Amino acid sequence: MHKAAAHAKRGLPLRHLPAMDLPFLILVLTLVGFGLVMLGSASSAVALYRRGDAWAYVRPQLLYAAMGIGAMWAASRVDYHIYHKLAWPLLALSLVLLVVAIVVELLVLNVIRARTRKKEA
């Protein structure tokens, strides 16, 4: 029996890593790197003027890119059948979170309007 199938039968979510799709990995890393270079090029002067640090906007994006690459690696280690089983619950969760974000935004806007009215009165 294949190792991945043996892992799935035992209920283990992690599987043995197969051969890497090298062209896809190079494409993803190239696009991430290109985006970071473009962000640095476009924002360094403004960041230096406003914050006194040319890397002020790039530094957080470097952190997020590293976290995303780590999450991509972790997701590649999980058997894809688990994602298939979780698709509908994750879709429902994302819709609930979308509604929560809209409601919170509307509540914050109402609070801001109420404060503005109090200042005018």
C-alpha atoms as a PDB file:
ATOM      1  CA  MET A   1       0.000   0.000   0.000  1.00  0.00           C
ATOM      2  CA  HIS A   2       1.214   3.491  -0.840  1.00  0.00           C
ATOM      3  CA  LYS A   3       2.379   5.609   2.121  1.00  0.00           C
ATOM      4  CA  ALA A   4      -0.132   8.403   1.485  1.00  0.00           C
ATOM      5  CA  ALA A   5      -2.976   5.878   1.367  1.00  0.00           C
ATOM      6  CA  ALA A   6      -1.707   4.279   4.572  1.00  0.00           C
ATOM      7  CA  HIS A   7      -1.676   7.703   6.258  1.00  0.00           C
ATOM      8  CA  ALA A   8      -5.225   8.370   5.077  1.00  0.00           C
ATOM      9  CA  LYS A   9      -6.460   4.988   6.328  1.00  0.00           C
ATOM     10  CA  ARG A  10      -5.000   5.640   9.767  1.00  0.00           C
ATOM     11  CA  GLY A  11      -6.645   9.062   9.820  1.00  0.00           C
ATOM     12  CA  LEU A  12      -3.380  10.992   9.807  1.00  0.00           C
ATOM     13  CA  PRO A  13      -3.646  14.352   8.035  1.00  0.00           C
ATOM     14  CA  LEU A  14       0.066  14.650   7.221  1.00  0.00           C
ATOM     15  CA  ARG A  15       1.408  12.731   4.310  1.00  0.00           C
ATOM     16  CA  HIS A  16       4.770  11.939   2.828  1.00  0.00           C
ATOM     17  CA  LEU A  17       5.799  14.826   0.604  1.00  0.00           C
ATOM     18  CA  PRO A  18       5.794  13.790  -3.089  1.00  0.00           C
ATOM     19  CA  ALA A  19       8.046  15.252  -5.709  1.00  0.00           C
ATOM     20  CA  MET A  20       7.788  19.026  -5.726  1.00  0.00           C
ATOM     21  CA  ASP A  21       6.225  20.889  -8.637  1.00  0.00           C
ATOM     22  CA  LEU A  22       9.341  22.946  -9.222  1.00  0.00           C
ATOM     23  CA  PRO A  23       8.078  25.208 -12.068  1.00  0.00           C
ATOM     24  CA  PHE A  24       5.040  26.202  -9.998  1.00  0.00           C
ATOM     25  CA  LEU A  25       7.176  26.882  -6.921  1.00  0.00           C
ATOM     26  CA  ILE A  26       9.561  29.039  -8.954  1.00  0.00           C
ATOM     27  CA  LEU A  27       6.610  30.929 -10.454  1.00  0.00           C
ATOM     28  CA  VAL A  28       5.065  31.628  -7.037  1.00  0.00           C
ATOM     29  CA  LEU A  29       8.360  32.719  -5.469  1.00  0.00           C
ATOM     30  CA  THR A  30       9.157  34.906  -8.493  1.00  0.00           C
ATOM     31  CA  LEU A  31       5.777  36.646  -8.291  1.00  0.00           C
ATOM     32  CA  VAL A  32       6.130  37.200  -4.532  1.00  0.00           C
ATOM     33  CA  GLY A  33       9.650  38.549  -4.989  1.00  0.00           C
ATOM     34  CA  PHE A  34       8.595  40.792  -7.872  1.00  0.00           C
ATOM     35  CA  GLY A  35       5.707  42.168  -5.819  1.00  0.00           C
ATOM     36  CA  LEU A  36       8.012  42.941  -2.898  1.00  0.00           C
ATOM     37  CA  VAL A  37      10.502  44.684  -5.193  1.00  0.00           C
ATOM     38  CA  MET A  38       7.720  46.758  -6.761  1.00  0.00           C
ATOM     39  CA  LEU A  39       6.379  47.700  -3.323  1.00  0.00           C
ATOM     40  CA  GLY A  40       9.839  48.739  -2.200  1.00  0.00           C
ATOM     41  CA  SER A  41      10.440  50.724  -5.351  1.00  0.00           C
ATOM     42  CA  ALA A  42       7.101  52.508  -5.220  1.00  0.00           C
ATOM     43  CA  SER A  43       6.969  53.237  -1.502  1.00  0.00           C
ATOM     44  CA  SER A  44      10.525  53.858  -0.318  1.00  0.00           C
ATOM     45  CA  ALA A  45      10.545  57.603  -0.973  1.00  0.00           C
ATOM     46  CA  VAL A  46       7.143  58.151   0.632  1.00  0.00           C
ATOM     47  CA  ALA A  47       8.044  55.960   3.593  1.00  0.00           C
ATOM     48  CA  LEU A  48      11.303  57.842   4.092  1.00  0.00           C
ATOM     49  CA  TYR A  49       9.495  61.182   3.981  1.00  0.00           C
ATOM     50  CA  ARG A  50       6.558  60.221   6.216  1.00  0.00           C
ATOM     51  CA  ARG A  51       8.156  57.768   8.637  1.00  0.00           C
ATOM     52  CA  GLY A  52      11.883  58.368   8.397  1.00  0.00           C
ATOM     53  CA  ASP A  53      12.472  54.763   7.316  1.00  0.00           C
ATOM     54  CA  ALA A  54      12.581  53.681   3.681  1.00  0.00           C
ATOM     55  CA  TRP A  55      11.675  50.088   4.630  1.00  0.00           C
ATOM     56  CA  ALA A  56       8.620  51.005   6.727  1.00  0.00           C
ATOM     57  CA  TYR A  57       6.100  49.602   4.226  1.00  0.00           C
ATOM     58  CA  VAL A  58       8.207  46.723   2.919  1.00  0.00           C
ATOM     59  CA  ARG A  59       9.188  45.222   6.284  1.00  0.00           C
ATOM     60  CA  PRO A  60       5.663  44.078   7.261  1.00  0.00           C
ATOM     61  CA  GLN A  61       5.084  42.711   3.766  1.00  0.00           C
ATOM     62  CA  LEU A  62       8.283  40.665   4.026  1.00  0.00           C
ATOM     63  CA  LEU A  63       6.932  39.166   7.239  1.00  0.00           C
ATOM     64  CA  TYR A  64       3.572  38.403   5.623  1.00  0.00           C
ATOM     65  CA  ALA A  65       5.287  36.862   2.591  1.00  0.00           C
ATOM     66  CA  ALA A  66       7.363  34.600   4.845  1.00  0.00           C
ATOM     67  CA  MET A  67       4.248  33.597   6.787  1.00  0.00           C
ATOM     68  CA  GLY A  68       2.426  32.882   3.524  1.00  0.00           C
ATOM     69  CA  ILE A  69       5.247  30.719   2.213  1.00  0.00           C
ATOM     70  CA  GLY A  70       5.263  28.816   5.511  1.00  0.00           C
ATOM     71  CA  ALA A  71       1.487  28.350   5.300  1.00  0.00           C
ATOM     72  CA  MET A  72       1.877  27.173   1.695  1.00  0.00           C
ATOM     73  CA  TRP A  73       4.405  24.571   2.806  1.00  0.00           C
ATOM     74  CA  ALA A  74       2.156  23.418   5.678  1.00  0.00           C
ATOM     75  CA  ALA A  75      -0.858  23.182   3.366  1.00  0.00           C
ATOM     76  CA  SER A  76       1.140  21.084   0.917  1.00  0.00           C
ATOM     77  CA  ARG A  77       1.817  18.548   3.672  1.00  0.00           C
ATOM     78  CA  VAL A  78      -1.883  17.899   4.343  1.00  0.00           C
ATOM     79  CA  ASP A  79      -3.790  15.285   2.360  1.00  0.00           C
ATOM     80  CA  TYR A  80      -6.051  17.064  -0.112  1.00  0.00           C
ATOM     81  CA  HIS A  81      -9.048  14.900   0.819  1.00  0.00           C
ATOM     82  CA  ILE A  82      -9.251  16.834   4.085  1.00  0.00           C
ATOM     83  CA  TYR A  83      -9.677  20.077   2.146  1.00  0.00           C
ATOM     84  CA  HIS A  84     -12.460  18.448   0.127  1.00  0.00           C
ATOM     85  CA  LYS A  85     -14.295  17.493   3.329  1.00  0.00           C
ATOM     86  CA  LEU A  86     -13.842  20.962   4.836  1.00  0.00           C
ATOM     87  CA  ALA A  87     -14.845  22.968   1.760  1.00  0.00           C
ATOM     88  CA  TRP A  88     -18.501  23.614   2.703  1.00  0.00           C
ATOM     89  CA  PRO A  89     -17.851  24.353   6.415  1.00  0.00           C
ATOM     90  CA  LEU A  90     -15.040  26.735   5.475  1.00  0.00           C
ATOM     91  CA  LEU A  91     -17.283  28.442   2.913  1.00  0.00           C
ATOM     92  CA  ALA A  92     -19.968  28.896   5.580  1.00  0.00           C
ATOM     93  CA  LEU A  93     -17.385  30.249   8.034  1.00  0.00           C
ATOM     94  CA  SER A  94     -16.089  32.741   5.464  1.00  0.00           C
ATOM     95  CA  LEU A  95     -19.635  33.976   4.738  1.00  0.00           C
ATOM     96  CA  VAL A  96     -20.338  34.404   8.470  1.00  0.00           C
ATOM     97  CA  LEU A  97     -17.095  36.336   8.905  1.00  0.00           C
ATOM     98  CA  LEU A  98     -17.976  38.500   5.901  1.00  0.00           C
ATOM     99  CA  VAL A  99     -21.338  39.387   7.471  1.00  0.00           C
ATOM    100  CA  VAL A 100     -19.626  40.103  10.813  1.00  0.00           C
ATOM    101  CA  ALA A 101     -17.165  42.453   9.102  1.00  0.00           C
ATOM    102  CA  ILE A 102     -19.979  44.343   7.368  1.00  0.00           C
ATOM    103  CA  VAL A 103     -21.998  44.629  10.596  1.00  0.00           C
ATOM    104  CA  VAL A 104     -18.977  45.858  12.551  1.00  0.00           C
ATOM    105  CA  GLU A 105     -18.232  48.450   9.883  1.00  0.00           C
ATOM    106  CA  LEU A 106     -21.814  49.706   9.973  1.00  0.00           C
ATOM    107  CA  LEU A 107     -21.727  49.903  13.779  1.00  0.00           C
ATOM    108  CA  VAL A 108     -18.461  51.833  13.737  1.00  0.00           C
ATOM    109  CA  LEU A 109     -19.835  54.246  11.134  1.00  0.00           C
ATOM    110  CA  ASN A 110     -22.930  54.809  13.299  1.00  0.00           C
ATOM    111  CA  VAL A 111     -20.747  55.548  16.336  1.00  0.00           C
ATOM    112  CA  ILE A 112     -18.683  58.023  14.326  1.00  0.00           C
ATOM    113  CA  ARG A 113     -21.839  59.739  13.049  1.00  0.00           C
ATOM    114  CA  ALA A 114     -23.263  59.949  16.560  1.00  0.00           C
ATOM    115  CA  ARG A 115     -20.040  61.526  17.884  1.00  0.00           C
ATOM    116  CA  THR A 116     -20.011  64.006  15.009  1.00  0.00           C
ATOM    117  CA  ARG A 117     -23.621  65.015  15.779  1.00  0.00           C
ATOM    118  CA  LYS A 118     -22.786  65.531  19.460  1.00  0.00           C
ATOM    119  CA  LYS A 119     -19.885  67.825  18.567  1.00  0.00           C
ATOM    120  CA  GLU A 120     -22.115  69.875  16.244  1.00  0.00           C
ATOM    121  CA  ALA A 121     -24.854  70.280  18.841  1.00  0.00           C
END
